[in-house]
N, C-alpha and C. Protein backbone atom coordinates (compact mmCIF):
# COMPACT_ATOMS: atom_id res chain seq x y z
N UNK A 1 24.64 -13.89 7.84
CA UNK A 1 24.67 -13.63 6.40
C UNK A 1 23.31 -13.87 5.79
N UNK A 2 22.56 -14.81 6.29
CA UNK A 2 21.39 -15.13 5.75
C UNK A 2 20.26 -13.68 5.96
N UNK A 3 20.62 -12.92 6.87
CA UNK A 3 19.87 -11.72 6.85
C UNK A 3 20.12 -10.91 5.69
N UNK A 4 21.31 -10.81 5.45
CA UNK A 4 21.63 -9.99 4.18
C UNK A 4 21.06 -10.51 2.92
N UNK A 5 21.08 -11.97 2.85
CA UNK A 5 20.54 -12.64 1.75
C UNK A 5 18.99 -12.38 1.45
N UNK A 6 18.39 -12.40 2.64
CA UNK A 6 16.92 -12.15 2.53
C UNK A 6 16.58 -10.57 2.46
N UNK A 7 17.25 -9.86 3.20
CA UNK A 7 17.07 -8.44 2.99
C UNK A 7 17.34 -7.71 1.57
N UNK A 8 18.30 -8.29 0.93
CA UNK A 8 18.56 -7.84 -0.39
C UNK A 8 17.42 -8.19 -1.38
N UNK A 9 17.01 -9.38 -1.28
CA UNK A 9 15.84 -9.76 -2.24
C UNK A 9 14.62 -9.15 -1.99
N UNK A 10 14.20 -9.15 -0.64
CA UNK A 10 12.94 -8.26 -0.25
C UNK A 10 13.05 -6.94 -0.52
N UNK A 11 14.05 -6.32 -0.29
CA UNK A 11 14.31 -4.85 -0.70
C UNK A 11 14.17 -4.70 -2.16
N UNK A 12 14.88 -5.67 -2.99
CA UNK A 12 14.83 -5.56 -4.30
C UNK A 12 13.35 -5.71 -4.90
N UNK A 13 12.51 -6.54 -4.41
CA UNK A 13 11.22 -6.73 -4.84
C UNK A 13 10.38 -5.57 -4.39
N UNK A 14 10.60 -5.03 -3.30
CA UNK A 14 9.78 -3.83 -2.91
C UNK A 14 10.18 -2.54 -3.65
N UNK A 15 11.33 -2.38 -4.13
CA UNK A 15 11.89 -1.33 -5.06
C UNK A 15 11.24 -1.65 -6.49
N UNK A 16 11.20 -2.81 -6.85
CA UNK A 16 10.70 -3.18 -8.21
C UNK A 16 9.24 -2.82 -8.19
N UNK A 17 8.48 -3.01 -7.18
CA UNK A 17 7.13 -2.57 -7.13
C UNK A 17 6.94 -1.06 -7.07
N UNK A 18 7.91 -0.47 -6.29
CA UNK A 18 7.92 0.99 -6.31
C UNK A 18 8.20 1.70 -7.55
N UNK A 19 9.12 1.07 -8.31
CA UNK A 19 9.47 1.67 -9.80
C UNK A 19 8.15 1.52 -10.53
N UNK A 20 7.53 0.17 -10.52
CA UNK A 20 6.41 -0.10 -11.30
C UNK A 20 5.37 1.01 -11.02
N UNK A 21 5.13 1.42 -9.76
CA UNK A 21 4.15 2.34 -9.39
C UNK A 21 4.35 3.62 -10.15
N UNK A 22 5.66 3.84 -9.94
CA UNK A 22 6.06 5.24 -10.53
C UNK A 22 5.90 5.27 -12.02
N UNK A 23 6.09 4.20 -12.69
CA UNK A 23 6.02 4.02 -14.29
C UNK A 23 4.57 4.20 -14.46
N UNK A 24 3.60 4.09 -13.82
CA UNK A 24 2.11 4.45 -14.24
C UNK A 24 1.91 5.69 -14.95
N UNK A 25 2.73 6.63 -14.66
CA UNK A 25 2.53 7.92 -15.38
C UNK A 25 2.92 7.67 -16.84
N UNK A 26 3.73 6.80 -17.26
CA UNK A 26 3.97 6.49 -18.68
C UNK A 26 2.99 6.04 -19.39
N UNK A 27 2.10 5.21 -18.76
CA UNK A 27 0.81 4.71 -19.41
C UNK A 27 -0.19 5.80 -19.60
N UNK A 28 -0.10 6.88 -19.10
CA UNK A 28 -0.97 8.12 -19.13
C UNK A 28 -0.39 9.05 -20.16
N UNK A 29 0.90 8.75 -20.72
CA UNK A 29 1.49 9.68 -21.51
C UNK A 29 2.36 10.65 -20.89
N UNK A 30 2.40 10.78 -19.69
CA UNK A 30 3.29 11.65 -18.88
C UNK A 30 4.60 11.11 -18.49
N UNK A 31 5.53 11.86 -18.20
CA UNK A 31 6.93 11.32 -17.80
C UNK A 31 6.76 10.74 -16.34
N UNK A 32 7.65 9.62 -16.13
CA UNK A 32 7.61 9.00 -14.80
C UNK A 32 8.38 9.95 -13.89
N UNK A 33 8.12 9.99 -12.67
CA UNK A 33 8.81 10.65 -11.66
C UNK A 33 10.30 10.32 -11.65
N UNK A 34 11.12 11.11 -11.34
CA UNK A 34 12.56 10.64 -11.40
C UNK A 34 12.83 9.54 -10.18
N UNK A 35 12.14 9.64 -9.14
CA UNK A 35 12.39 8.59 -8.10
C UNK A 35 12.04 7.32 -8.48
N UNK A 36 11.14 7.06 -9.60
CA UNK A 36 10.80 5.80 -9.98
C UNK A 36 11.97 5.03 -10.56
N UNK A 37 12.52 5.77 -11.49
CA UNK A 37 13.75 5.08 -12.13
C UNK A 37 14.93 4.75 -11.08
N UNK A 38 15.10 5.76 -10.14
CA UNK A 38 16.05 5.57 -9.09
C UNK A 38 15.74 4.34 -8.23
N UNK A 39 14.46 4.22 -7.90
CA UNK A 39 13.97 3.12 -7.13
C UNK A 39 14.16 1.75 -7.88
N UNK A 40 13.88 1.77 -9.19
CA UNK A 40 13.96 0.58 -9.82
C UNK A 40 15.41 0.13 -10.13
N UNK A 41 16.34 1.16 -10.27
CA UNK A 41 17.73 0.73 -10.50
C UNK A 41 18.24 0.32 -9.18
N UNK A 42 17.85 1.06 -8.05
CA UNK A 42 18.45 0.51 -6.65
C UNK A 42 17.86 -0.95 -6.44
N UNK A 43 16.72 -1.33 -6.88
CA UNK A 43 16.07 -2.60 -6.70
C UNK A 43 16.96 -3.55 -7.52
N UNK A 44 17.29 -3.19 -8.82
CA UNK A 44 18.13 -3.97 -9.62
C UNK A 44 19.49 -4.36 -8.86
N UNK A 45 20.23 -3.35 -8.40
CA UNK A 45 21.49 -3.36 -7.69
C UNK A 45 21.18 -4.49 -6.52
N UNK A 46 20.12 -4.24 -5.75
CA UNK A 46 19.92 -5.10 -4.70
C UNK A 46 19.72 -6.67 -5.17
N UNK A 47 18.98 -6.77 -6.13
CA UNK A 47 18.73 -8.17 -6.86
C UNK A 47 20.08 -8.76 -7.20
N UNK A 48 20.95 -8.03 -8.01
CA UNK A 48 22.13 -8.55 -8.18
C UNK A 48 23.11 -8.94 -7.03
N UNK A 49 22.98 -8.03 -5.98
CA UNK A 49 23.69 -8.27 -4.74
C UNK A 49 23.16 -9.59 -4.15
N UNK A 50 21.99 -9.83 -4.15
CA UNK A 50 21.17 -11.00 -3.73
C UNK A 50 21.85 -12.23 -4.45
N UNK A 51 21.78 -12.23 -5.69
CA UNK A 51 22.37 -13.22 -6.42
C UNK A 51 23.98 -13.59 -6.12
N UNK A 52 24.56 -12.64 -6.14
CA UNK A 52 26.10 -12.60 -5.66
C UNK A 52 26.29 -13.25 -4.30
N UNK A 53 25.48 -12.72 -3.31
CA UNK A 53 25.48 -13.21 -1.95
C UNK A 53 25.11 -14.70 -1.96
N UNK A 54 24.14 -15.08 -2.64
CA UNK A 54 23.59 -16.53 -2.70
C UNK A 54 24.64 -17.40 -3.34
N UNK A 55 25.33 -16.96 -4.31
CA UNK A 55 26.49 -17.66 -4.85
C UNK A 55 27.65 -18.00 -4.03
N UNK A 56 27.93 -16.71 -3.26
CA UNK A 56 29.14 -16.83 -2.24
C UNK A 56 28.76 -17.71 -1.04
N UNK A 57 27.64 -17.33 -0.46
CA UNK A 57 27.27 -17.90 0.79
C UNK A 57 26.71 -19.34 0.84
N UNK A 58 25.70 -19.43 -0.04
CA UNK A 58 24.85 -20.73 -0.17
C UNK A 58 25.53 -21.72 -1.17
N UNK A 59 26.00 -21.24 -2.21
CA UNK A 59 26.54 -22.26 -3.26
C UNK A 59 27.95 -22.34 -3.51
N UNK A 60 28.83 -21.52 -2.64
CA UNK A 60 30.30 -21.47 -2.69
C UNK A 60 30.78 -21.39 -4.12
N UNK A 61 30.15 -20.45 -4.95
CA UNK A 61 30.49 -20.08 -6.22
C UNK A 61 30.36 -21.30 -7.25
N UNK A 62 29.47 -22.33 -6.90
CA UNK A 62 29.34 -23.52 -7.74
C UNK A 62 28.03 -23.42 -8.44
N UNK A 63 28.07 -23.18 -9.73
CA UNK A 63 26.84 -23.31 -10.57
C UNK A 63 26.03 -24.64 -10.33
N UNK A 64 26.81 -25.66 -10.23
CA UNK A 64 26.23 -27.01 -10.09
C UNK A 64 25.51 -27.09 -8.66
N UNK A 65 26.03 -26.43 -7.60
CA UNK A 65 25.36 -26.58 -6.40
C UNK A 65 24.01 -25.53 -6.42
N UNK A 66 23.99 -24.54 -7.18
CA UNK A 66 22.97 -23.75 -7.32
C UNK A 66 21.86 -24.46 -8.16
N UNK A 67 22.20 -25.01 -9.14
CA UNK A 67 21.18 -26.03 -9.82
C UNK A 67 20.65 -27.13 -8.89
N UNK A 68 21.51 -27.76 -8.22
CA UNK A 68 20.99 -28.85 -7.37
C UNK A 68 20.03 -28.42 -6.28
N UNK A 69 20.40 -27.24 -5.67
CA UNK A 69 19.52 -26.68 -4.64
C UNK A 69 18.24 -26.26 -5.11
N UNK A 70 18.30 -25.57 -6.27
CA UNK A 70 17.09 -25.16 -7.05
C UNK A 70 16.23 -26.44 -7.38
N UNK A 71 16.79 -27.52 -7.85
CA UNK A 71 16.07 -28.65 -8.16
C UNK A 71 15.48 -29.21 -7.03
N UNK A 72 16.17 -29.36 -5.88
CA UNK A 72 15.61 -29.83 -4.60
C UNK A 72 14.40 -29.19 -4.19
N UNK A 73 14.39 -27.83 -4.14
CA UNK A 73 13.51 -26.82 -3.77
C UNK A 73 12.24 -27.04 -4.74
N UNK A 74 12.45 -27.03 -5.96
CA UNK A 74 11.41 -27.22 -6.80
C UNK A 74 10.68 -28.60 -6.72
N UNK A 75 11.26 -29.61 -6.36
CA UNK A 75 10.78 -30.93 -6.17
C UNK A 75 9.98 -30.97 -4.86
N UNK A 76 10.49 -30.13 -3.84
CA UNK A 76 9.76 -30.06 -2.54
C UNK A 76 8.47 -29.39 -2.89
N UNK A 77 8.26 -28.39 -3.70
CA UNK A 77 7.07 -27.76 -4.02
C UNK A 77 6.30 -28.24 -5.00
N UNK A 78 6.90 -28.74 -6.09
CA UNK A 78 5.97 -29.24 -7.34
C UNK A 78 6.11 -30.75 -7.52
N UNK A 79 7.05 -31.45 -6.86
CA UNK A 79 7.37 -32.82 -6.95
C UNK A 79 8.28 -33.13 -8.26
N UNK A 80 8.74 -32.06 -8.90
CA UNK A 80 9.59 -32.20 -10.05
C UNK A 80 11.03 -31.66 -9.76
N UNK A 81 12.03 -32.54 -9.79
CA UNK A 81 13.41 -31.94 -9.52
C UNK A 81 14.03 -31.13 -10.62
N UNK A 82 13.70 -29.98 -10.86
CA UNK A 82 14.17 -29.16 -12.08
C UNK A 82 14.81 -27.93 -11.54
N UNK A 83 16.14 -27.95 -12.06
CA UNK A 83 17.12 -26.83 -11.71
C UNK A 83 17.14 -25.69 -12.68
N UNK A 84 16.35 -25.80 -13.76
CA UNK A 84 16.33 -24.71 -14.56
C UNK A 84 15.83 -23.28 -14.03
N UNK A 85 15.25 -23.41 -12.97
CA UNK A 85 14.87 -21.98 -12.37
C UNK A 85 15.97 -21.08 -12.16
N UNK A 86 17.20 -21.64 -12.09
CA UNK A 86 18.45 -20.76 -11.93
C UNK A 86 18.51 -19.90 -13.28
N UNK A 87 18.36 -20.57 -14.36
CA UNK A 87 18.56 -19.78 -15.61
C UNK A 87 17.30 -18.92 -15.77
N UNK A 88 16.26 -19.31 -15.40
CA UNK A 88 14.96 -18.24 -15.39
C UNK A 88 15.37 -17.03 -14.56
N UNK A 89 15.94 -17.24 -13.46
CA UNK A 89 16.19 -16.17 -12.62
C UNK A 89 17.19 -15.16 -13.26
N UNK A 90 18.19 -15.96 -14.01
CA UNK A 90 19.18 -15.08 -14.69
C UNK A 90 18.57 -14.12 -15.84
N UNK A 91 17.47 -14.78 -16.40
CA UNK A 91 16.80 -14.14 -17.44
C UNK A 91 16.06 -12.98 -16.72
N UNK A 92 15.26 -13.14 -15.53
CA UNK A 92 14.75 -11.96 -14.90
C UNK A 92 15.65 -10.83 -14.78
N UNK A 93 16.93 -11.20 -14.06
CA UNK A 93 17.87 -10.15 -13.92
C UNK A 93 18.19 -9.51 -15.26
N UNK A 94 18.56 -10.15 -16.21
CA UNK A 94 19.01 -9.67 -17.55
C UNK A 94 17.98 -8.74 -18.12
N UNK A 95 16.69 -9.07 -18.05
CA UNK A 95 15.56 -8.25 -18.60
C UNK A 95 15.33 -7.10 -17.68
N UNK A 96 15.58 -7.15 -16.44
CA UNK A 96 15.36 -5.91 -15.74
C UNK A 96 16.60 -5.06 -15.94
N UNK A 97 17.62 -5.55 -16.15
CA UNK A 97 18.98 -4.67 -16.40
C UNK A 97 18.66 -4.09 -17.78
N UNK A 98 18.06 -4.69 -18.86
CA UNK A 98 17.95 -4.12 -20.07
C UNK A 98 16.92 -3.12 -20.14
N UNK A 99 15.85 -3.33 -19.22
CA UNK A 99 14.85 -2.21 -19.13
C UNK A 99 15.29 -0.96 -18.40
N UNK A 100 16.18 -1.15 -17.30
CA UNK A 100 16.75 -0.07 -16.62
C UNK A 100 17.65 0.78 -17.65
N UNK A 101 18.51 0.07 -18.28
CA UNK A 101 19.26 0.71 -19.29
C UNK A 101 18.32 1.46 -20.32
N UNK A 102 17.41 0.87 -20.93
CA UNK A 102 16.63 1.46 -21.95
C UNK A 102 15.85 2.62 -21.36
N UNK A 103 15.38 2.55 -20.23
CA UNK A 103 14.66 3.55 -19.66
C UNK A 103 15.52 4.85 -19.42
N UNK A 104 16.70 4.61 -18.98
CA UNK A 104 17.65 5.63 -18.75
C UNK A 104 18.13 6.28 -20.09
N UNK A 105 18.56 5.44 -20.95
CA UNK A 105 19.14 5.84 -22.22
C UNK A 105 18.27 6.64 -23.20
N UNK A 106 16.92 6.13 -23.29
CA UNK A 106 16.09 6.81 -24.12
C UNK A 106 14.58 6.74 -23.46
N UNK A 107 14.42 7.64 -22.53
CA UNK A 107 13.03 7.60 -21.85
C UNK A 107 11.90 7.71 -22.66
N UNK A 108 12.00 8.47 -23.75
CA UNK A 108 10.80 8.64 -24.65
C UNK A 108 10.67 7.50 -25.45
N UNK A 109 11.58 6.84 -25.93
CA UNK A 109 11.34 5.58 -26.73
C UNK A 109 10.87 4.37 -25.70
N UNK A 110 11.40 4.52 -24.47
CA UNK A 110 10.97 3.49 -23.57
C UNK A 110 9.44 3.59 -23.32
N UNK A 111 9.03 4.82 -23.08
CA UNK A 111 7.59 5.18 -22.75
C UNK A 111 6.75 4.98 -23.82
N UNK A 112 7.17 4.92 -25.18
CA UNK A 112 6.43 4.78 -26.17
C UNK A 112 6.37 3.31 -26.84
N UNK A 113 7.24 2.61 -26.25
CA UNK A 113 7.11 1.07 -26.76
C UNK A 113 5.81 0.45 -26.80
N UNK A 114 5.62 -0.53 -27.73
CA UNK A 114 4.32 -1.21 -27.82
C UNK A 114 3.85 -1.75 -26.46
N UNK A 115 2.58 -1.68 -26.25
CA UNK A 115 2.05 -2.17 -25.03
C UNK A 115 2.23 -3.72 -24.93
N UNK A 116 2.23 -4.41 -26.00
CA UNK A 116 2.55 -5.83 -25.94
C UNK A 116 3.92 -6.12 -25.22
N UNK A 117 4.80 -5.34 -25.44
CA UNK A 117 6.03 -5.48 -24.79
C UNK A 117 5.98 -5.45 -23.12
N UNK A 118 5.33 -4.35 -22.89
CA UNK A 118 4.99 -4.14 -21.32
C UNK A 118 4.33 -5.45 -20.84
N UNK A 119 3.11 -5.83 -21.50
CA UNK A 119 2.42 -6.92 -20.93
C UNK A 119 3.24 -8.28 -20.96
N UNK A 120 3.95 -8.51 -21.87
CA UNK A 120 4.80 -9.70 -21.88
C UNK A 120 5.76 -9.82 -20.93
N UNK A 121 6.42 -8.52 -20.61
CA UNK A 121 7.40 -8.46 -19.62
C UNK A 121 6.69 -8.65 -18.18
N UNK A 122 5.60 -7.94 -18.12
CA UNK A 122 4.70 -8.08 -16.85
C UNK A 122 4.33 -9.48 -16.55
N UNK A 123 4.02 -10.06 -17.68
CA UNK A 123 3.66 -11.57 -17.32
C UNK A 123 4.82 -12.40 -16.84
N UNK A 124 6.03 -12.17 -17.44
CA UNK A 124 7.17 -12.90 -16.89
C UNK A 124 7.63 -12.49 -15.53
N UNK A 125 7.48 -11.21 -15.39
CA UNK A 125 8.01 -10.68 -13.92
C UNK A 125 6.96 -11.23 -12.94
N UNK A 126 5.72 -11.25 -13.25
CA UNK A 126 4.72 -11.61 -12.39
C UNK A 126 4.98 -13.14 -12.01
N UNK A 127 5.22 -13.85 -13.04
CA UNK A 127 5.65 -15.39 -12.72
C UNK A 127 6.68 -15.53 -11.71
N UNK A 128 7.81 -14.72 -11.96
CA UNK A 128 9.15 -14.82 -11.06
C UNK A 128 8.62 -14.38 -9.74
N UNK A 129 8.14 -13.32 -9.49
CA UNK A 129 7.81 -12.53 -8.26
C UNK A 129 6.76 -13.47 -7.53
N UNK A 130 5.78 -13.86 -8.09
CA UNK A 130 4.77 -14.72 -7.24
C UNK A 130 5.54 -15.96 -6.84
N UNK A 131 6.43 -16.55 -7.76
CA UNK A 131 7.09 -17.85 -7.10
C UNK A 131 8.02 -17.48 -6.09
N UNK A 132 8.81 -16.27 -6.16
CA UNK A 132 9.74 -15.98 -5.09
C UNK A 132 9.08 -15.56 -3.87
N UNK A 133 8.03 -14.76 -3.97
CA UNK A 133 7.48 -14.07 -2.81
C UNK A 133 6.40 -14.85 -2.19
N UNK A 134 5.75 -15.92 -2.96
CA UNK A 134 4.65 -16.41 -2.34
C UNK A 134 4.92 -18.14 -2.41
N UNK A 135 4.99 -18.50 -3.54
CA UNK A 135 5.07 -20.13 -3.81
C UNK A 135 6.31 -20.62 -3.05
N UNK A 136 7.55 -20.11 -3.22
CA UNK A 136 8.62 -20.64 -2.54
C UNK A 136 9.01 -20.03 -1.31
N UNK A 137 8.30 -18.86 -0.84
CA UNK A 137 8.52 -18.18 0.39
C UNK A 137 8.32 -18.97 1.51
N UNK A 138 8.86 -18.78 2.77
CA UNK A 138 8.37 -19.29 3.98
C UNK A 138 7.23 -18.89 4.34
N UNK A 139 6.50 -19.51 5.21
CA UNK A 139 5.21 -19.06 5.73
C UNK A 139 5.35 -17.65 6.18
N UNK A 140 6.29 -17.19 6.83
CA UNK A 140 6.48 -15.78 7.25
C UNK A 140 6.65 -14.83 6.03
N UNK A 141 7.39 -15.37 4.98
CA UNK A 141 7.65 -14.63 3.83
C UNK A 141 6.44 -14.39 3.07
N UNK A 142 5.42 -15.30 3.05
CA UNK A 142 4.24 -15.22 2.45
C UNK A 142 3.43 -13.92 2.94
N UNK A 143 3.51 -13.81 4.31
CA UNK A 143 2.88 -12.68 4.92
C UNK A 143 3.36 -11.33 4.31
N UNK A 144 4.49 -11.20 3.88
CA UNK A 144 5.04 -10.03 3.07
C UNK A 144 4.75 -10.11 1.47
N UNK A 145 4.85 -11.31 1.21
CA UNK A 145 4.81 -11.55 -0.32
C UNK A 145 3.51 -11.30 -1.03
N UNK A 146 2.31 -11.80 -0.29
CA UNK A 146 1.00 -11.54 -0.80
C UNK A 146 0.71 -10.08 -0.97
N UNK A 147 1.03 -9.11 0.06
CA UNK A 147 0.70 -7.72 -0.13
C UNK A 147 1.50 -7.10 -1.26
N UNK A 148 2.85 -7.62 -1.41
CA UNK A 148 3.75 -7.25 -2.29
C UNK A 148 3.18 -7.48 -3.80
N UNK A 149 2.73 -8.69 -4.08
CA UNK A 149 2.11 -9.13 -5.30
C UNK A 149 0.97 -8.24 -5.54
N UNK A 150 0.07 -8.05 -4.54
CA UNK A 150 -1.21 -7.35 -4.70
C UNK A 150 -0.87 -5.94 -5.13
N UNK A 151 0.29 -5.29 -4.39
CA UNK A 151 0.70 -4.02 -4.67
C UNK A 151 1.12 -3.87 -6.17
N UNK A 152 1.90 -4.82 -6.61
CA UNK A 152 2.30 -4.89 -7.99
C UNK A 152 1.12 -4.94 -8.94
N UNK A 153 0.28 -5.82 -8.67
CA UNK A 153 -0.99 -5.85 -9.53
C UNK A 153 -1.68 -4.56 -9.67
N UNK A 154 -1.83 -3.90 -8.51
CA UNK A 154 -2.40 -2.65 -8.42
C UNK A 154 -1.62 -1.65 -9.32
N UNK A 155 -0.27 -1.59 -9.16
CA UNK A 155 0.37 -0.66 -10.01
C UNK A 155 0.38 -0.84 -11.58
N UNK A 156 -0.05 -2.14 -11.79
CA UNK A 156 -0.17 -2.51 -13.33
C UNK A 156 -1.66 -2.39 -13.79
N UNK A 157 -2.56 -1.94 -12.94
CA UNK A 157 -4.00 -1.79 -13.54
C UNK A 157 -3.80 -0.63 -14.68
N UNK A 158 -4.80 -0.85 -15.69
CA UNK A 158 -4.84 0.22 -16.73
C UNK A 158 -4.82 1.69 -16.30
N UNK A 159 -3.96 2.44 -16.75
CA UNK A 159 -3.95 3.91 -16.43
C UNK A 159 -4.65 4.65 -17.45
N UNK A 160 -5.47 5.63 -17.01
CA UNK A 160 -6.13 6.61 -17.98
C UNK A 160 -5.37 7.52 -18.56
N UNK A 161 -5.46 7.83 -19.82
CA UNK A 161 -4.53 8.68 -20.61
C UNK A 161 -4.89 10.00 -20.23
N UNK A 162 -3.92 10.88 -20.26
CA UNK A 162 -4.06 12.28 -19.93
C UNK A 162 -4.39 12.93 -21.32
N UNK A 163 -5.49 13.83 -21.28
CA UNK A 163 -5.95 14.36 -22.56
C UNK A 163 -5.21 15.79 -22.56
N UNK A 164 -4.74 16.11 -23.64
CA UNK A 164 -4.04 17.24 -23.79
C UNK A 164 -4.43 18.18 -24.69
């Protein structure tokens, strides 16, 4: 089952990056390709599957167990036993879900939203993804995580506007 646990989150993160790459067109004033929304949505579904699998397999449907394990892992890495990362991960999933919904429900408004919203969300997403794919990853996971983060940062580089 741990293979499914790790496959779902790494697949989710890869599809997150793919969707962000496809969204570059929005920064140029063009519509994003259809595959980008589909990739991003599938990534979200895999992320939710990962959370459910983790709760079923690792935490036996116990919120307290999830918080305790998160606190222990945080103490290993940072020396501080903080379990609040569970709630930060819930926020990550909730924001991703809200964005998927907004992009699908009103692509024009989504594309025209203020850039500060994009950059605020990107900062939060970067914090979560760097921690998941690099900081808290196994040494083998970091081998995949560093290029994944680099690809995400590349996708977020400023896009030139299309002149019309």
